């Protein structure tokens, strides 16, 4: 089994392949670094930063960014508005203005809660337009979407883990599935995605963390610290985990029923 471990997208990434083409994992790692540079909000030269700077005007987007923006609109709909890509102004107000490794910055008054995403983001063909003053942070949606896409690229028996958002494709080494840590147990995943959403790994002060509740434009207040979810794709698992964490230990499991294939709440 071939494997790679590297740092990208703000965390630790792992690629595993059984019977993969020679060099496939190297190409996969290179692609993730390329996408990181293209999609980060922390670099003024990234495509995402250029889109945010163009708010109010039509902007030509790459195929990858266009697909992710459409995925963000789908996530907004699936989540009932709780997964909202245009909460970047709230993140900045909460003090998350630079790469997390550099620490938080002083907070400012929270902005008004954002309008529904379809009112802030339009897409037509290969162009996108943000409403004036709107700004996008693709965050976890990008990690889930990239994990799904990369697993397709690497081969029929692969696992892609991007900072906790993962897709396990094929039967793994044992033929029964890929072993994945899930809460306090290990599960075997075969053609399934998983993701974890939490508030403690990116916390820089009391009540200050990266998970914004779009209903308040403030860091979410929840009795849960971490939610892990299994779903048909890493993207869906990321959406579901974030919704459940925001909703909390009572409403979260109710919402997950009929959507997720499994979950762990802490």
Protein backbone atom coordinates (compact mmCIF):
# COMPACT_ATOMS: atom_id res chain seq x y z
CA UNK A 1 0.00 0.00 0.00
CA UNK A 2 1.31 3.43 -0.97
CA UNK A 3 0.72 6.37 1.37
CA UNK A 4 1.54 10.07 1.71
CA UNK A 5 1.25 12.44 4.66
CA UNK A 6 1.61 16.21 4.27
CA UNK A 7 0.33 19.53 5.58
CA UNK A 8 -2.16 21.55 3.51
CA UNK A 9 -5.53 23.27 3.84
CA UNK A 10 -4.63 24.30 7.38
CA UNK A 11 -4.04 20.81 8.75
CA UNK A 12 -2.75 17.28 8.28
CA UNK A 13 -3.62 15.37 5.13
CA UNK A 14 -3.19 11.68 4.27
CA UNK A 15 -3.49 9.73 1.03
CA UNK A 16 -3.57 5.92 0.81
CA UNK A 17 -3.71 3.81 -2.33
CA UNK A 18 -3.74 0.10 -3.05
CA UNK A 19 -2.77 -0.77 -6.61
CA UNK A 20 -2.65 2.91 -7.55
CA UNK A 21 -0.69 4.04 -10.58
CA UNK A 22 2.94 4.91 -9.95
CA UNK A 23 3.09 8.56 -9.00
CA UNK A 24 -0.66 8.88 -8.44
CA UNK A 25 -0.28 9.88 -4.80
CA UNK A 26 2.45 12.39 -5.68
CA UNK A 27 0.16 13.95 -8.26
CA UNK A 28 -2.68 13.94 -5.76
CA UNK A 29 -0.59 15.77 -3.17
CA UNK A 30 0.51 18.31 -5.77
CA UNK A 31 -3.11 18.90 -6.76
CA UNK A 32 -4.14 19.56 -3.15
CA UNK A 33 -1.33 22.11 -2.73
CA UNK A 34 -2.43 23.77 -5.98
CA UNK A 35 -6.06 23.91 -4.84
CA UNK A 36 -5.01 25.30 -1.47
CA UNK A 37 -3.24 28.21 -3.17
CA UNK A 38 -6.26 28.77 -5.41
CA UNK A 39 -8.94 28.62 -2.71
CA UNK A 40 -7.36 30.09 0.42
CA UNK A 41 -8.75 33.35 1.77
CA UNK A 42 -5.46 34.15 3.50
CA UNK A 43 -3.56 35.04 0.32
CA UNK A 44 -4.46 38.14 -1.69
CA UNK A 45 -3.30 36.42 -4.88
CA UNK A 46 -5.69 33.44 -4.61
CA UNK A 47 -8.63 33.08 -6.95
CA UNK A 48 -11.04 33.15 -4.00
CA UNK A 49 -9.57 36.43 -2.73
CA UNK A 50 -9.92 37.91 -6.21
CA UNK A 51 -13.57 36.86 -6.29
CA UNK A 52 -14.19 38.44 -2.88
CA UNK A 53 -12.47 41.65 -4.00
CA UNK A 54 -14.74 41.80 -7.05
CA UNK A 55 -18.01 41.89 -5.08
CA UNK A 56 -20.67 43.71 -7.06
CA UNK A 57 -19.19 42.72 -10.43
CA UNK A 58 -19.24 39.60 -12.56
CA UNK A 59 -16.05 37.55 -12.18
CA UNK A 60 -14.78 34.73 -14.40
CA UNK A 61 -14.20 31.63 -12.29
CA UNK A 62 -12.25 28.45 -12.95
CA UNK A 63 -14.11 25.17 -13.30
CA UNK A 64 -13.04 24.13 -9.79
CA UNK A 65 -14.10 27.34 -8.07
CA UNK A 66 -17.34 27.40 -10.04
CA UNK A 67 -18.13 23.85 -8.96
CA UNK A 68 -17.40 24.71 -5.33
CA UNK A 69 -19.60 27.78 -5.42
CA UNK A 70 -22.44 25.65 -6.76
CA UNK A 71 -21.74 23.12 -4.02
CA UNK A 72 -21.95 25.94 -1.48
CA UNK A 73 -25.39 26.88 -2.78
CA UNK A 74 -26.45 23.23 -2.48
CA UNK A 75 -25.06 23.08 1.07
CA UNK A 76 -27.08 26.15 2.01
CA UNK A 77 -30.25 24.51 0.71
CA UNK A 78 -29.58 21.10 2.26
CA UNK A 79 -28.76 22.62 5.64
CA UNK A 80 -31.72 24.96 5.80
CA UNK A 81 -29.30 27.89 5.72
CA UNK A 82 -27.04 26.74 8.58
CA UNK A 83 -24.08 26.03 6.28
CA UNK A 84 -23.53 29.46 4.80
CA UNK A 85 -20.42 30.24 2.73
CA UNK A 86 -20.83 34.04 3.07
CA UNK A 87 -20.05 34.28 6.80
CA UNK A 88 -16.51 35.56 6.20
CA UNK A 89 -17.31 39.07 7.54
CA UNK A 90 -18.46 37.42 10.79
CA UNK A 91 -15.29 35.31 10.97
CA UNK A 92 -13.17 38.42 10.54
CA UNK A 93 -15.13 40.26 13.23
CA UNK A 94 -14.59 37.33 15.59
CA UNK A 95 -10.83 37.67 15.13
CA UNK A 96 -10.08 34.92 12.59
CA UNK A 97 -8.30 37.21 10.14
CA UNK A 98 -5.16 35.18 9.39
CA UNK A 99 -3.87 31.62 9.31
CA UNK A 100 -4.81 29.94 12.58
CA UNK A 101 -1.19 29.04 13.35
CA UNK A 102 -0.54 32.77 13.84
CA UNK A 103 -3.30 33.15 16.45
CA UNK A 104 -6.40 35.29 16.64
CA UNK A 105 -6.60 39.05 16.31
CA UNK A 106 -8.74 41.60 18.20
CA UNK A 107 -12.48 41.20 17.77
CA UNK A 108 -14.94 43.79 16.55
CA UNK A 109 -18.70 44.12 16.64
CA UNK A 110 -20.42 41.29 14.77
CA UNK A 111 -22.02 42.29 11.47
CA UNK A 112 -25.69 41.74 10.79
CA UNK A 113 -26.56 38.12 9.97
CA UNK A 114 -26.02 37.51 6.25
CA UNK A 115 -28.89 37.38 3.79
CA UNK A 116 -29.67 33.96 2.30
CA UNK A 117 -26.77 32.80 0.15
CA UNK A 118 -28.77 32.76 -3.13
CA UNK A 119 -29.35 36.49 -2.61
CA UNK A 120 -25.60 37.10 -2.21
CA UNK A 121 -24.13 34.76 -4.83
CA UNK A 122 -25.14 34.44 -8.48
CA UNK A 123 -23.60 32.02 -10.98
CA UNK A 124 -24.08 31.98 -14.73
CA UNK A 125 -21.94 29.70 -16.84
CA UNK A 126 -18.33 30.42 -15.95
CA UNK A 127 -19.05 33.67 -14.14
CA UNK A 128 -20.01 34.45 -10.56
CA UNK A 129 -21.07 37.64 -8.84
CA UNK A 130 -21.15 38.46 -5.14
CA UNK A 131 -23.40 41.15 -3.78
CA UNK A 132 -21.55 44.29 -2.68
CA UNK A 133 -20.00 43.74 0.73
CA UNK A 134 -20.37 39.95 0.59
CA UNK A 135 -17.36 37.65 0.95
CA UNK A 136 -16.96 33.89 0.73
CA UNK A 137 -15.02 31.43 2.90
CA UNK A 138 -15.24 27.91 1.49
CA UNK A 139 -13.76 26.28 4.59
CA UNK A 140 -14.93 22.73 5.31
CA UNK A 141 -17.01 22.50 2.15
CA UNK A 142 -13.82 22.74 0.11
CA UNK A 143 -12.12 19.99 2.14
CA UNK A 144 -15.02 17.59 1.72
CA UNK A 145 -15.41 18.33 -1.97
CA UNK A 146 -11.67 17.96 -2.60
CA UNK A 147 -11.59 14.63 -0.75
CA UNK A 148 -14.43 13.31 -2.91
CA UNK A 149 -12.79 14.47 -6.14
CA UNK A 150 -9.33 13.23 -5.27
CA UNK A 151 -10.56 9.75 -4.31
CA UNK A 152 -12.02 9.53 -7.83
CA UNK A 153 -8.66 10.52 -9.32
CA UNK A 154 -6.43 8.19 -7.31
CA UNK A 155 -8.02 4.86 -8.18
CA UNK A 156 -10.64 2.28 -7.17
CA UNK A 157 -9.09 1.38 -3.78
CA UNK A 158 -8.01 4.59 -2.07
CA UNK A 159 -8.58 6.70 1.00
CA UNK A 160 -8.24 10.49 1.08
CA UNK A 161 -8.20 12.28 4.44
CA UNK A 162 -8.03 16.07 4.29
CA UNK A 163 -7.86 17.45 7.81
CA UNK A 164 -10.59 15.06 9.02
CA UNK A 165 -12.83 15.20 5.94
CA UNK A 166 -12.34 11.89 4.17
CA UNK A 167 -13.63 9.56 1.50
CA UNK A 168 -12.90 5.84 1.55
CA UNK A 169 -13.17 4.31 -1.91
CA UNK A 170 -13.05 0.56 -2.41
CA UNK A 171 -12.62 -2.35 0.01
CA UNK A 172 -9.31 -1.34 1.61
CA UNK A 173 -6.46 -3.71 2.36
CA UNK A 174 -8.59 -6.32 4.16
CA UNK A 175 -11.34 -6.39 1.55
CA UNK A 176 -13.89 -5.37 4.19
CA UNK A 177 -13.41 -1.62 4.07
CA UNK A 178 -10.98 1.06 5.19
CA UNK A 179 -10.52 1.27 9.00
CA UNK A 180 -11.32 4.80 10.17
CA UNK A 181 -11.39 6.22 13.70
CA UNK A 182 -14.91 7.40 14.48
CA UNK A 183 -15.60 8.84 17.91
CA UNK A 184 -14.33 6.24 20.40
CA UNK A 185 -14.38 3.34 17.92
CA UNK A 186 -13.01 2.19 14.59
CA UNK A 187 -15.38 1.59 11.68
CA UNK A 188 -14.83 0.06 8.24
CA UNK A 189 -15.85 2.35 5.38
CA UNK A 190 -16.37 1.25 1.76
CA UNK A 191 -17.38 3.92 -0.76
CA UNK A 192 -18.41 6.26 2.02
CA UNK A 193 -17.42 9.66 3.35
CA UNK A 194 -16.89 10.91 6.89
CA UNK A 195 -16.21 14.29 8.46
CA UNK A 196 -15.75 15.86 11.87
CA UNK A 197 -16.81 19.35 12.87
CA UNK A 198 -15.69 20.79 16.19
CA UNK A 199 -15.08 24.02 18.06
CA UNK A 200 -12.00 23.22 20.14
CA UNK A 201 -9.20 22.80 17.57
CA UNK A 202 -9.68 26.31 16.17
CA UNK A 203 -10.50 28.25 19.34
CA UNK A 204 -8.59 31.41 20.24
CA UNK A 205 -10.51 32.76 23.23
CA UNK A 206 -13.59 32.17 25.41
CA UNK A 207 -16.50 31.63 23.04
CA UNK A 208 -14.31 32.44 20.02
CA UNK A 209 -13.97 29.73 17.38
CA UNK A 210 -14.29 29.28 13.63
CA UNK A 211 -17.80 27.79 13.45
CA UNK A 212 -20.14 30.70 12.73
CA UNK A 213 -23.89 30.43 13.26
CA UNK A 214 -25.31 32.41 10.31
CA UNK A 215 -28.47 33.15 12.32
CA UNK A 216 -26.45 35.35 14.70
CA UNK A 217 -23.21 36.05 12.76
CA UNK A 218 -21.34 34.97 15.88
CA UNK A 219 -19.43 31.81 16.82
CA UNK A 220 -22.02 29.11 17.43
CA UNK A 221 -23.15 28.46 20.98
CA UNK A 222 -23.69 24.72 21.36
CA UNK A 223 -23.58 22.09 24.10
CA UNK A 224 -21.54 19.93 21.70
CA UNK A 225 -17.78 20.21 21.19
CA UNK A 226 -17.43 17.80 18.29
CA UNK A 227 -19.64 15.92 15.82
CA UNK A 228 -18.50 13.16 13.46
CA UNK A 229 -20.75 11.92 10.68
CA UNK A 230 -20.73 9.16 8.05
CA UNK A 231 -22.51 9.88 4.77
CA UNK A 232 -22.49 8.96 1.09
CA UNK A 233 -19.82 11.58 0.40
CA UNK A 234 -17.29 13.59 2.37
CA UNK A 235 -19.07 16.76 1.27
CA UNK A 236 -22.40 15.62 2.70
CA UNK A 237 -20.70 14.40 5.88
CA UNK A 238 -19.14 17.87 6.31
CA UNK A 239 -22.52 19.58 5.84
CA UNK A 240 -24.32 17.24 8.21
CA UNK A 241 -21.68 17.45 10.94
CA UNK A 242 -21.71 21.24 10.94
CA UNK A 243 -25.50 21.42 11.11
CA UNK A 244 -25.68 18.94 13.99
CA UNK A 245 -23.03 20.80 15.97
CA UNK A 246 -24.84 24.12 15.57
CA UNK A 247 -28.19 22.57 16.53
CA UNK A 248 -26.82 20.82 19.63
CA UNK A 249 -27.31 17.49 21.35
CA UNK A 250 -31.13 17.51 21.30
CA UNK A 251 -32.03 18.86 17.87
CA UNK A 252 -28.88 17.70 16.10
CA UNK A 253 -29.65 13.94 16.15
CA UNK A 254 -33.23 14.62 15.08
CA UNK A 255 -31.96 16.49 12.03
CA UNK A 256 -29.45 13.75 11.20
CA UNK A 257 -32.12 11.06 11.17
CA UNK A 258 -32.79 9.96 7.59
CA UNK A 259 -29.78 11.90 6.29
CA UNK A 260 -26.57 10.61 7.88
CA UNK A 261 -25.57 6.94 7.96
CA UNK A 262 -23.99 7.23 11.39
CA UNK A 263 -22.80 9.85 13.86
CA UNK A 264 -20.88 10.45 17.06
CA UNK A 265 -21.59 13.43 19.34
CA UNK A 266 -19.31 14.78 22.05
